[in-house]
């Protein structure tokens, strides 16, 4: 798994450096992809042979208890439901805003570029997963990108199972997977081309590597953990908060084993920070060169980062924590509210290795609380695997069979509810997947045009706008389905040329009031203006 995670990171950086060099063309992407696939196949085949994967899988299934088969069946059905959503056209707001739009723009420009302005500021932030989406879009549609993100959810399950087996029996390890995968936020993320499941995967791997280091005291594993976290930071800058968690855990692990050894603590912290920050360094350099801020955009005028003294209020912490578990739109399992406190109470009874995971969970909750969390439940998603492991460990620690049965029954009930709920939500994709509804009609019916989405619902733009034309856009927000040459008003500059202006939901800018309205779409609220097709210089 560590080799596979590293290969994914290497492949992403290959695309990144190809893009920086200005060679984002399909032949170069295909060549890079073929090399990656062969390397991945070689290592995977070697590991499968080394561990007798086929025989172990057959033995695992055939020797499973009835309860374990129930857990496996639930995971399978949850995966199928999620896959249905992943196979449909993209509707996710952030995916249509930048996760897919930026790769599409980079492909059109054949390079990774800085995009100024207040709309696509994410162009300067770390984008490990979006580099994978560049390949996906070069090979086909956004569905491939969605399947990549769905696959990260599966990789999360594999990594989490391996981590759980270090502490729990096979039955309870499978229960950990059921609890994690049945979170509605996980189900939602599995159907979109976002990046949060990719970050979650790398953070699980970082925790797994750290546990290995704690157990074996081999610095190789500390470096493995740091590299995995570095890939997480390269996926989403917010993951840098976990660097503080692992810094604390290094101190905790060393003090727990050797008392207080200052030199050992400092050395290991420096090693961890070096490798964790070395991996995303190219992105920091890219951002710094274009914006002057390596951690853009968190310290820019677009996003003022400042400490709120109210965060120190314990009442606010409790209120916000309860809110994320109870009132979040992308629901998180309420089971955590029951068993995370239990794990804290039973902390002294927990073995030393598992204490690391417990500490990681509570520190993860604290980091989530103190860092920007505008994304709702998905911003706490990277810590849900450890929450799941700790919660199930708390159930096992009760040692009371009757109570365990009640809690297991509760988790099964919630997982079945998740399958039913996500099944209903994803059922809208079935007609378009089966070819009974066109993609165009589906997007016309389901995109939210009042909330920034765009689609050429009647095909007018496809017929009217030629490759040599350019449209200046005003009021548009989610640009992924804009399939004609355009310049957005957020980054238009003096000297740019265009011969059409499209306005969505806004009035025509005063300076262009004399342009003629030639098209209006009532459904999308888009108006198109022209002055006889003449080119205009901004």
Protein backbone atom coordinates (compact mmCIF):
# COMPACT_ATOMS: atom_id res chain seq x y z
CA UNK A 1 0.00 0.00 0.00
CA UNK A 2 2.83 2.41 0.80
CA UNK A 3 4.40 1.70 -2.59
CA UNK A 4 1.10 2.30 -4.35
CA UNK A 5 0.52 5.56 -2.48
CA UNK A 6 4.03 6.71 -3.38
CA UNK A 7 3.51 5.77 -7.04
CA UNK A 8 0.31 7.81 -7.14
CA UNK A 9 2.22 10.78 -5.77
CA UNK A 10 5.06 10.32 -8.26
CA UNK A 11 2.62 10.10 -11.16
CA UNK A 12 0.87 13.27 -10.04
CA UNK A 13 4.18 15.12 -9.89
CA UNK A 14 5.15 13.83 -13.33
CA UNK A 15 2.01 15.46 -14.73
CA UNK A 16 2.77 18.61 -12.71
CA UNK A 17 6.31 18.96 -14.08
CA UNK A 18 5.17 18.15 -17.62
CA UNK A 19 2.64 20.93 -17.22
CA UNK A 20 5.22 23.40 -15.91
CA UNK A 21 7.35 22.62 -18.97
CA UNK A 22 4.39 23.33 -21.26
CA UNK A 23 3.98 19.80 -22.63
CA UNK A 24 0.47 18.97 -21.49
CA UNK A 25 -0.45 17.20 -24.71
CA UNK A 26 -2.28 13.93 -25.01
CA UNK A 27 0.76 11.95 -26.35
CA UNK A 28 2.96 12.99 -23.40
CA UNK A 29 0.18 12.26 -20.92
CA UNK A 30 -0.43 8.84 -22.51
CA UNK A 31 3.29 8.01 -22.35
CA UNK A 32 3.49 9.06 -18.70
CA UNK A 33 0.36 7.06 -17.91
CA UNK A 34 1.65 3.92 -19.62
CA UNK A 35 4.91 4.11 -17.67
CA UNK A 36 2.98 4.58 -14.42
CA UNK A 37 0.60 1.69 -15.16
CA UNK A 38 3.49 -0.67 -15.90
CA UNK A 39 5.32 0.36 -12.73
CA UNK A 40 2.18 0.05 -10.63
CA UNK A 41 1.33 -3.33 -12.21
CA UNK A 42 4.85 -4.58 -11.54
CA UNK A 43 4.81 -3.66 -7.86
CA UNK A 44 1.24 -4.79 -7.33
CA UNK A 45 1.91 -8.13 -9.02
CA UNK A 46 5.04 -8.63 -6.94
CA UNK A 47 3.16 -7.89 -3.72
CA UNK A 48 0.22 -10.10 -4.70
CA UNK A 49 2.63 -12.95 -5.36
CA UNK A 50 4.62 -12.24 -2.20
CA UNK A 51 1.56 -12.35 0.05
CA UNK A 52 -0.41 -15.02 -1.88
CA UNK A 53 -3.20 -12.50 -2.26
CA UNK A 54 -5.52 -14.74 -4.26
CA UNK A 55 -5.32 -17.63 -1.81
CA UNK A 56 -5.65 -15.30 1.15
CA UNK A 57 -8.71 -13.64 -0.37
CA UNK A 58 -10.42 -16.98 -1.01
CA UNK A 59 -9.53 -18.13 2.49
CA UNK A 60 -10.77 -14.85 3.95
CA UNK A 61 -14.19 -15.16 2.35
CA UNK A 62 -14.67 -18.89 2.90
CA UNK A 63 -13.62 -18.73 6.54
CA UNK A 64 -15.67 -15.65 7.37
CA UNK A 65 -18.30 -15.95 10.06
CA UNK A 66 -21.93 -15.09 9.32
CA UNK A 67 -21.48 -11.71 11.00
CA UNK A 68 -18.38 -10.97 8.94
CA UNK A 69 -20.25 -11.88 5.75
CA UNK A 70 -22.97 -9.44 6.79
CA UNK A 71 -20.34 -6.70 7.17
CA UNK A 72 -18.78 -7.55 3.80
CA UNK A 73 -22.21 -7.53 2.13
CA UNK A 74 -23.00 -4.09 3.60
CA UNK A 75 -19.67 -2.71 2.36
CA UNK A 76 -20.28 -4.23 -1.08
CA UNK A 77 -23.78 -2.73 -1.41
CA UNK A 78 -22.54 0.64 -0.14
CA UNK A 79 -19.80 0.50 -2.77
CA UNK A 80 -22.28 -0.33 -5.54
CA UNK A 81 -24.55 2.55 -4.51
CA UNK A 82 -21.58 4.91 -4.47
CA UNK A 83 -20.39 3.62 -7.85
CA UNK A 84 -23.75 4.47 -9.41
CA UNK A 85 -23.24 8.08 -8.35
CA UNK A 86 -19.66 8.08 -9.60
CA UNK A 87 -20.74 6.90 -13.07
CA UNK A 88 -23.15 9.81 -13.56
CA UNK A 89 -22.37 13.35 -14.81
CA UNK A 90 -20.76 15.72 -12.32
CA UNK A 91 -23.05 18.02 -10.32
CA UNK A 92 -20.78 18.89 -7.36
CA UNK A 93 -20.33 22.63 -6.84
CA UNK A 94 -16.59 22.68 -6.07
CA UNK A 95 -15.85 20.14 -8.80
CA UNK A 96 -17.53 22.37 -11.39
CA UNK A 97 -15.94 25.45 -9.84
CA UNK A 98 -12.26 24.41 -9.78
CA UNK A 99 -11.44 20.70 -9.19
CA UNK A 100 -12.36 19.90 -12.81
CA UNK A 101 -12.30 23.37 -14.35
CA UNK A 102 -8.62 23.99 -13.63
CA UNK A 103 -7.47 20.69 -15.20
CA UNK A 104 -9.64 21.54 -18.23
CA UNK A 105 -8.05 25.02 -18.52
CA UNK A 106 -4.56 23.58 -18.07
CA UNK A 107 -5.20 21.05 -20.82
CA UNK A 108 -6.45 23.76 -23.17
CA UNK A 109 -3.36 25.88 -22.41
CA UNK A 110 -1.07 22.76 -22.54
CA UNK A 111 0.63 23.95 -19.35
CA UNK A 112 0.14 24.55 -15.63
CA UNK A 113 -0.49 28.27 -15.31
CA UNK A 114 -1.22 30.88 -12.70
CA UNK A 115 -4.74 32.27 -13.06
CA UNK A 116 -5.12 35.66 -11.38
CA UNK A 117 -8.33 37.05 -9.98
CA UNK A 118 -10.82 36.15 -7.30
CA UNK A 119 -12.55 33.19 -8.98
CA UNK A 120 -9.91 30.55 -9.75
CA UNK A 121 -7.41 31.39 -7.00
CA UNK A 122 -7.08 27.65 -6.34
CA UNK A 123 -4.76 27.52 -9.37
CA UNK A 124 -1.85 28.37 -7.06
CA UNK A 125 -2.66 25.90 -4.28
CA UNK A 126 -1.39 22.27 -4.06
CA UNK A 127 -3.32 20.07 -6.50
CA UNK A 128 -2.05 16.49 -6.38
CA UNK A 129 -5.47 15.01 -7.18
CA UNK A 130 -6.27 17.57 -9.87
CA UNK A 131 -3.12 16.45 -11.71
CA UNK A 132 -4.71 12.99 -11.86
CA UNK A 133 -7.86 14.64 -13.21
CA UNK A 134 -5.80 16.19 -16.03
CA UNK A 135 -5.07 12.67 -17.23
CA UNK A 136 -8.69 11.66 -16.71
CA UNK A 137 -9.98 14.54 -18.85
CA UNK A 138 -7.37 13.94 -21.54
CA UNK A 139 -8.61 10.35 -21.88
CA UNK A 140 -12.33 11.08 -21.70
CA UNK A 141 -14.97 12.83 -19.63
CA UNK A 142 -15.26 13.86 -16.01
CA UNK A 143 -16.62 10.39 -15.21
CA UNK A 144 -13.05 9.02 -15.18
CA UNK A 145 -12.10 11.73 -12.69
CA UNK A 146 -15.08 10.81 -10.53
CA UNK A 147 -14.04 7.15 -10.64
CA UNK A 148 -10.55 8.13 -9.50
CA UNK A 149 -12.00 9.81 -6.42
CA UNK A 150 -14.33 6.84 -5.86
CA UNK A 151 -11.26 4.57 -6.00
CA UNK A 152 -9.59 6.58 -3.26
CA UNK A 153 -12.56 5.66 -1.08
CA UNK A 154 -11.83 1.97 -1.75
CA UNK A 155 -8.14 2.51 -0.98
CA UNK A 156 -9.20 4.12 2.31
CA UNK A 157 -11.02 0.89 3.21
CA UNK A 158 -7.99 -1.27 2.42
CA UNK A 159 -5.61 0.95 4.39
CA UNK A 160 -8.02 1.27 7.31
CA UNK A 161 -8.55 -2.49 7.50
CA UNK A 162 -4.80 -3.12 7.64
CA UNK A 163 -4.40 -0.48 10.35
CA UNK A 164 -7.36 -1.84 12.34
CA UNK A 165 -5.98 -5.39 12.31
CA UNK A 166 -3.06 -4.18 14.40
CA UNK A 167 -5.48 -3.63 17.29
CA UNK A 168 -8.68 -5.55 16.63
CA UNK A 169 -9.95 -8.94 15.57
CA UNK A 170 -11.00 -9.51 11.96
CA UNK A 171 -14.68 -9.15 12.87
CA UNK A 172 -14.24 -5.82 14.63
CA UNK A 173 -11.86 -4.58 11.91
CA UNK A 174 -14.60 -5.14 9.34
CA UNK A 175 -17.00 -3.31 11.65
CA UNK A 176 -14.60 -0.34 11.53
CA UNK A 177 -14.96 -0.31 7.74
CA UNK A 178 -18.75 -0.50 7.96
CA UNK A 179 -18.83 2.43 10.38
CA UNK A 180 -16.49 4.57 8.28
CA UNK A 181 -17.93 3.79 4.85
CA UNK A 182 -21.54 4.29 5.97
CA UNK A 183 -20.96 7.94 6.81
CA UNK A 184 -23.11 9.93 4.42
CA UNK A 185 -20.26 12.35 3.80
CA UNK A 186 -18.11 9.42 2.61
CA UNK A 187 -20.92 8.27 0.34
CA UNK A 188 -21.32 11.75 -1.09
CA UNK A 189 -17.59 12.23 -1.64
CA UNK A 190 -17.41 8.85 -3.40
CA UNK A 191 -19.71 10.21 -6.14
CA UNK A 192 -17.83 13.44 -6.93
CA UNK A 193 -14.56 14.64 -8.42
CA UNK A 194 -13.54 16.35 -5.18
CA UNK A 195 -10.23 15.65 -3.41
CA UNK A 196 -11.16 14.88 0.20
CA UNK A 197 -11.04 11.08 -0.09
CA UNK A 198 -7.56 11.34 -1.59
CA UNK A 199 -6.41 13.41 1.38
CA UNK A 200 -8.12 10.93 3.71
CA UNK A 201 -6.25 8.02 2.13
CA UNK A 202 -2.86 9.68 2.53
CA UNK A 203 -3.64 10.64 6.13
CA UNK A 204 -4.62 7.05 6.98
CA UNK A 205 -1.33 5.92 5.46
CA UNK A 206 0.54 8.53 7.52
CA UNK A 207 -1.10 7.25 10.71
CA UNK A 208 -0.41 3.63 9.73
CA UNK A 209 3.26 4.44 9.10
CA UNK A 210 3.47 6.22 12.44
CA UNK A 211 2.03 3.20 14.26
CA UNK A 212 4.61 1.00 12.53
CA UNK A 213 7.36 3.35 13.68
CA UNK A 214 6.05 3.30 17.23
CA UNK A 215 6.01 -0.49 17.15
CA UNK A 216 9.32 -1.17 15.36
CA UNK A 217 11.34 1.94 16.24
CA UNK A 218 12.74 1.96 12.71
CA UNK A 219 13.21 5.50 11.39
CA UNK A 220 12.23 4.22 7.94
CA UNK A 221 8.63 4.12 9.10
CA UNK A 222 8.76 7.63 10.51
CA UNK A 223 9.94 8.84 7.10
CA UNK A 224 7.20 6.79 5.40
CA UNK A 225 4.62 8.47 7.62
CA UNK A 226 6.04 11.92 6.88
CA UNK A 227 6.06 11.28 3.12
CA UNK A 228 2.43 10.13 3.24
CA UNK A 229 1.45 13.27 5.13
CA UNK A 230 3.42 15.31 2.60
CA UNK A 231 1.29 13.78 -0.16
CA UNK A 232 -1.77 14.70 1.91
CA UNK A 233 -0.59 18.32 2.11
CA UNK A 234 0.06 18.22 -1.66
CA UNK A 235 -3.56 17.16 -2.04
CA UNK A 236 -5.08 19.77 0.27
CA UNK A 237 -3.17 22.50 2.06
CA UNK A 238 -5.36 22.13 5.17
CA UNK A 239 -3.66 18.79 5.81
CA UNK A 240 -0.69 20.78 7.12
CA UNK A 241 -2.65 20.96 10.37
CA UNK A 242 -1.98 17.25 10.83
CA UNK A 243 1.74 18.06 10.95
CA UNK A 244 1.09 19.56 14.38
CA UNK A 245 -0.74 16.37 15.41
CA UNK A 246 2.17 14.12 14.47
CA UNK A 247 4.62 16.51 16.13
CA UNK A 248 2.75 16.08 19.39
CA UNK A 249 2.50 12.31 18.85
CA UNK A 250 6.26 12.04 18.37
CA UNK A 251 6.77 13.69 21.76
CA UNK A 252 4.06 11.52 23.32
CA UNK A 253 5.46 8.27 21.86
CA UNK A 254 9.04 8.98 22.92
CA UNK A 255 8.11 10.14 26.43
CA UNK A 256 5.84 7.12 26.85
CA UNK A 257 8.70 4.78 25.89
CA UNK A 258 11.88 6.49 27.09
CA UNK A 259 10.77 9.26 29.45
CA UNK A 260 11.94 12.69 28.25
CA UNK A 261 14.86 12.61 25.80
CA UNK A 262 15.20 16.08 24.33
CA UNK A 263 17.74 15.21 21.63
CA UNK A 264 15.72 12.21 20.42
CA UNK A 265 12.53 14.25 20.35
CA UNK A 266 14.07 17.17 18.44
CA UNK A 267 15.81 14.86 15.95
CA UNK A 268 12.66 12.93 15.13
CA UNK A 269 10.55 16.08 14.84
CA UNK A 270 13.07 17.62 12.43
CA UNK A 271 13.12 14.43 10.34
CA UNK A 272 9.34 14.38 10.19
CA UNK A 273 8.98 18.05 9.29
CA UNK A 274 11.72 17.83 6.66
CA UNK A 275 10.12 15.02 4.69
CA UNK A 276 6.51 16.15 5.24
CA UNK A 277 7.29 19.61 3.84
CA UNK A 278 9.74 18.46 1.17
CA UNK A 279 6.99 16.62 -0.74
CA UNK A 280 4.67 19.63 -1.27
CA UNK A 281 7.65 22.03 -1.67
CA UNK A 282 7.29 22.31 -5.50
CA UNK A 283 3.73 23.57 -4.98
CA UNK A 284 4.90 26.05 -2.34
CA UNK A 285 7.54 27.35 -4.75
CA UNK A 286 4.97 27.60 -7.57
CA UNK A 287 2.60 29.53 -5.34
CA UNK A 288 5.32 31.77 -3.94
CA UNK A 289 6.62 32.68 -7.40
CA UNK A 290 3.19 33.78 -8.63
CA UNK A 291 1.62 35.27 -5.50
CA UNK A 292 4.49 35.96 -3.10
CA UNK A 293 2.79 33.63 -0.60
CA UNK A 294 3.78 29.93 -0.55
CA UNK A 295 0.63 29.12 1.42
CA UNK A 296 -1.73 31.09 -0.82
CA UNK A 297 -4.57 31.85 -0.45
CA UNK A 298 -4.95 31.63 3.34
CA UNK A 299 -2.92 34.75 4.06
CA UNK A 300 -4.13 36.80 1.12
CA UNK A 301 -6.79 39.49 0.84
CA UNK A 302 -9.17 36.78 -0.37
CA UNK A 303 -9.04 34.91 2.93
CA UNK A 304 -7.98 36.67 6.09
CA UNK A 305 -6.64 34.16 8.61
CA UNK A 306 -6.90 35.53 12.11
CA UNK A 307 -7.28 33.99 15.51
CA UNK A 308 -10.73 34.18 17.05
CA UNK A 309 -10.54 34.37 20.88
CA UNK A 310 -14.02 32.83 21.06
CA UNK A 311 -12.45 29.54 19.93
CA UNK A 312 -10.95 29.21 23.42
CA UNK A 313 -14.42 29.06 24.91
CA UNK A 314 -15.09 25.40 25.93
CA UNK A 315 -18.82 25.92 25.44
CA UNK A 316 -18.26 26.95 21.82
CA UNK A 317 -16.04 23.90 21.27
CA UNK A 318 -18.78 21.60 22.56
CA UNK A 319 -21.46 23.38 20.54
CA UNK A 320 -19.48 23.26 17.30
CA UNK A 321 -18.49 19.63 17.84
CA UNK A 322 -22.08 18.58 18.50
CA UNK A 323 -23.17 20.58 15.46
CA UNK A 324 -20.78 18.84 13.06
CA UNK A 325 -21.95 15.41 14.25
CA UNK A 326 -25.65 16.23 14.41
CA UNK A 327 -26.51 19.16 12.14
CA UNK A 328 -24.04 18.83 9.29
CA UNK A 329 -25.72 18.66 5.87
CA UNK A 330 -23.33 15.90 4.82
CA UNK A 331 -24.12 13.71 7.82
CA UNK A 332 -21.57 12.06 10.07
CA UNK A 333 -22.38 8.99 12.14
CA UNK A 334 -23.72 9.86 15.63
CA UNK A 335 -21.93 6.73 16.91
CA UNK A 336 -18.81 8.84 17.37
CA UNK A 337 -20.58 11.00 19.93
CA UNK A 338 -21.16 7.91 22.04
CA UNK A 339 -17.82 6.13 21.82
CA UNK A 340 -15.14 8.79 21.46
CA UNK A 341 -15.86 9.96 25.04
CA UNK A 342 -15.85 6.31 26.16
CA UNK A 343 -12.38 5.84 24.63
CA UNK A 344 -11.18 8.93 26.46
CA UNK A 345 -12.54 7.61 29.78
CA UNK A 346 -10.94 4.18 29.19
CA UNK A 347 -7.66 5.71 27.99
CA UNK A 348 -5.54 4.11 30.73
CA UNK A 349 -6.92 0.65 29.92
CA UNK A 350 -5.95 0.97 26.25
CA UNK A 351 -2.65 -0.54 25.12
CA UNK A 352 0.16 1.87 24.25
CA UNK A 353 -0.08 1.44 20.46
CA UNK A 354 -3.79 2.17 20.37
CA UNK A 355 -3.31 5.20 22.59
CA UNK A 356 -1.55 6.84 19.66
CA UNK A 357 -4.69 6.45 17.54
CA UNK A 358 -6.87 7.77 20.37
CA UNK A 359 -4.60 10.80 20.77
CA UNK A 360 -4.59 11.30 17.00
CA UNK A 361 -8.39 11.29 16.97
CA UNK A 362 -8.83 13.88 19.70
CA UNK A 363 -6.06 16.08 18.28
CA UNK A 364 -7.68 15.73 14.85
CA UNK A 365 -10.93 17.02 16.30
CA UNK A 366 -9.03 19.95 17.83
CA UNK A 367 -7.20 20.75 14.58
CA UNK A 368 -10.48 20.63 12.68
CA UNK A 369 -11.97 23.03 15.24
CA UNK A 370 -9.09 25.55 15.04
CA UNK A 371 -8.56 25.55 11.27
CA UNK A 372 -10.87 26.86 8.51
CA UNK A 373 -13.86 24.52 8.26
CA UNK A 374 -16.09 26.12 5.67
CA UNK A 375 -16.54 22.75 3.94
CA UNK A 376 -18.79 21.22 6.57
CA UNK A 377 -18.48 17.51 7.27
CA UNK A 378 -15.95 16.83 4.53
CA UNK A 379 -13.36 18.95 6.33
CA UNK A 380 -13.37 16.49 9.23
CA UNK A 381 -13.47 13.50 6.86
CA UNK A 382 -9.70 12.73 7.07
CA UNK A 383 -10.11 11.98 10.78
CA UNK A 384 -13.19 9.77 10.47
CA UNK A 385 -11.10 6.61 9.89
CA UNK A 386 -9.38 7.03 13.26
CA UNK A 387 -12.71 7.98 14.87
CA UNK A 388 -14.14 4.73 13.50
CA UNK A 389 -11.23 2.64 14.75
CA UNK A 390 -11.32 4.19 18.22
CA UNK A 391 -15.11 3.86 18.48
CA UNK A 392 -15.09 0.17 17.58
CA UNK A 393 -12.13 -0.43 19.91
CA UNK A 394 -14.22 1.14 22.69
CA UNK A 395 -17.07 -1.25 21.85
CA UNK A 396 -14.70 -4.22 22.06
CA UNK A 397 -13.27 -2.95 25.34
CA UNK A 398 -16.69 -3.07 26.99
CA UNK A 399 -16.32 -6.89 27.12
CA UNK A 400 -20.08 -7.17 27.62
CA UNK A 401 -21.52 -9.29 24.83
CA UNK A 402 -25.04 -7.95 25.19
CA UNK A 403 -23.90 -4.34 24.96
CA UNK A 404 -21.67 -5.19 22.01
CA UNK A 405 -24.61 -6.73 20.16
CA UNK A 406 -26.70 -3.59 20.74
CA UNK A 407 -23.95 -1.30 19.46
CA UNK A 408 -23.18 -3.52 16.47
CA UNK A 409 -26.90 -3.58 15.68
CA UNK A 410 -26.94 0.23 15.82
CA UNK A 411 -24.03 0.49 13.37
CA UNK A 412 -25.68 -2.01 11.02
CA UNK A 413 -28.96 -0.06 11.17
CA UNK A 414 -27.20 3.23 10.38
CA UNK A 415 -25.29 1.62 7.52
CA UNK A 416 -28.49 0.26 6.00
CA UNK A 417 -30.03 3.72 6.33
CA UNK A 418 -26.99 5.16 4.53
CA UNK A 419 -27.37 2.65 1.68
CA UNK A 420 -31.07 3.51 1.38
CA UNK A 421 -30.50 7.28 1.58
CA UNK A 422 -27.58 7.37 -0.84
CA UNK A 423 -29.44 4.92 -3.07
CA UNK A 424 -32.34 7.35 -3.39
CA UNK A 425 -29.97 10.26 -3.97
CA UNK A 426 -28.03 8.38 -6.65
CA UNK A 427 -31.07 6.87 -8.39
CA UNK A 428 -31.34 10.00 -10.55
CA UNK A 429 -28.16 8.88 -12.35
CA UNK A 430 -29.56 5.49 -13.43
CA UNK A 431 -31.49 6.67 -16.53
CA UNK A 432 -28.48 8.53 -17.95
CA UNK A 433 -26.10 5.65 -17.09
CA UNK A 434 -28.41 3.19 -18.89
CA UNK A 435 -28.73 5.51 -21.88
CA UNK A 436 -32.44 6.20 -21.34
CA UNK A 437 -31.73 9.90 -20.77
CA UNK A 438 -29.15 12.02 -22.56
CA UNK A 439 -26.38 13.69 -20.61
CA UNK A 440 -27.55 17.04 -21.97
CA UNK A 441 -31.09 16.53 -20.70
CA UNK A 442 -29.84 15.27 -17.34
CA UNK A 443 -27.64 18.32 -16.79
CA UNK A 444 -30.40 20.65 -17.96
CA UNK A 445 -32.71 19.12 -15.36
CA UNK A 446 -30.30 18.88 -12.43
CA UNK A 447 -27.75 21.70 -12.56
CA UNK A 448 -28.43 24.66 -10.29
CA UNK A 449 -28.28 27.63 -12.66
CA UNK A 450 -29.30 30.08 -9.94
CA UNK A 451 -26.26 29.00 -7.90
CA UNK A 452 -23.52 29.53 -10.46
CA UNK A 453 -23.75 26.48 -12.73
CA UNK A 454 -23.73 26.78 -16.52
CA UNK A 455 -24.66 24.47 -19.37
CA UNK A 456 -25.47 25.09 -23.00
CA UNK A 457 -28.95 23.63 -22.59
CA UNK A 458 -30.22 24.34 -26.11
CA UNK A 459 -26.93 23.98 -28.00
CA UNK A 460 -26.90 27.62 -29.08
CA UNK A 461 -23.31 28.30 -28.02
CA UNK A 462 -22.10 25.11 -29.71
CA UNK A 463 -23.61 26.31 -33.01
CA UNK A 464 -22.81 30.01 -32.71
CA UNK A 465 -19.34 30.20 -31.15
CA UNK A 466 -16.46 29.07 -33.40
CA UNK A 467 -12.94 28.11 -32.35
CA UNK A 468 -11.61 31.48 -33.53
CA UNK A 469 -14.15 33.37 -31.39
CA UNK A 470 -13.70 34.43 -27.76
CA UNK A 471 -16.43 35.15 -25.22
CA UNK A 472 -15.92 37.47 -22.25
CA UNK A 473 -17.89 36.11 -19.30
CA UNK A 474 -19.56 38.14 -16.56
CA UNK A 475 -21.37 36.63 -13.57
CA UNK A 476 -20.39 33.02 -14.32
CA UNK A 477 -19.02 30.92 -11.47
CA UNK A 478 -18.81 27.19 -12.29
CA UNK A 479 -17.10 27.06 -15.65
CA UNK A 480 -16.49 23.37 -16.23
CA UNK A 481 -19.31 22.93 -18.75
CA UNK A 482 -18.29 26.05 -20.69
CA UNK A 483 -17.22 24.36 -23.94
CA UNK A 484 -16.22 27.38 -26.01
CA UNK A 485 -13.22 29.77 -25.97
CA UNK A 486 -13.66 32.27 -23.15
CA UNK A 487 -12.04 34.82 -20.87
CA UNK A 488 -13.59 35.33 -17.46
CA UNK A 489 -14.02 38.84 -16.13
CA UNK A 490 -12.17 37.83 -12.94
CA UNK A 491 -8.87 37.65 -14.81
CA UNK A 492 -9.39 39.59 -18.05
CA UNK A 493 -6.57 42.09 -18.63
CA UNK A 494 -5.81 45.02 -20.84
CA UNK A 495 -5.14 43.93 -24.40
CA UNK A 496 -7.31 40.77 -24.29
CA UNK A 497 -9.49 40.40 -27.39
CA UNK A 498 -13.04 39.07 -27.61
CA UNK A 499 -16.01 39.38 -29.93
CA UNK A 500 -18.86 38.23 -27.66
CA UNK A 501 -19.91 39.00 -24.10
CA UNK A 502 -22.00 36.54 -22.06
CA UNK A 503 -23.66 37.61 -18.82
CA UNK A 504 -25.26 35.26 -16.29
CA UNK A 505 -27.62 36.61 -13.66
CA UNK A 506 -26.14 40.12 -13.78
CA UNK A 507 -26.67 43.33 -15.69
CA UNK A 508 -24.44 44.12 -18.63
CA UNK A 509 -21.43 46.22 -17.49
CA UNK A 510 -22.04 49.89 -18.25
CA UNK A 511 -18.99 50.24 -20.49
CA UNK A 512 -20.55 47.70 -22.90
CA UNK A 513 -24.13 48.97 -22.79
CA UNK A 514 -24.09 49.68 -26.51
CA UNK A 515 -23.52 46.01 -27.40
CA UNK A 516 -26.50 44.22 -28.94
CA UNK A 517 -28.39 41.41 -27.21
CA UNK A 518 -28.49 38.45 -29.61
CA UNK A 519 -29.52 35.59 -27.30
CA UNK A 520 -31.25 34.99 -23.97
CA UNK A 521 -31.83 31.67 -22.18
CA UNK A 522 -34.52 31.99 -19.54
CA UNK A 523 -33.59 28.71 -17.81
CA UNK A 524 -29.88 29.45 -17.35
CA UNK A 525 -30.40 33.23 -17.15
CA UNK A 526 -27.60 33.75 -19.67
CA UNK A 527 -27.53 36.63 -22.15
CA UNK A 528 -25.17 36.86 -25.12
CA UNK A 529 -24.12 40.17 -26.68
CA UNK A 530 -22.27 41.11 -29.84
CA UNK A 531 -21.42 44.10 -32.02
CA UNK A 532 -21.73 42.37 -35.35
CA UNK A 533 -19.02 39.86 -34.57
CA UNK A 534 -16.29 42.53 -34.46
CA UNK A 535 -13.24 41.92 -32.27
CA UNK A 536 -12.96 44.16 -29.22
CA UNK A 537 -9.80 44.92 -27.26
CA UNK A 538 -10.26 45.17 -23.49
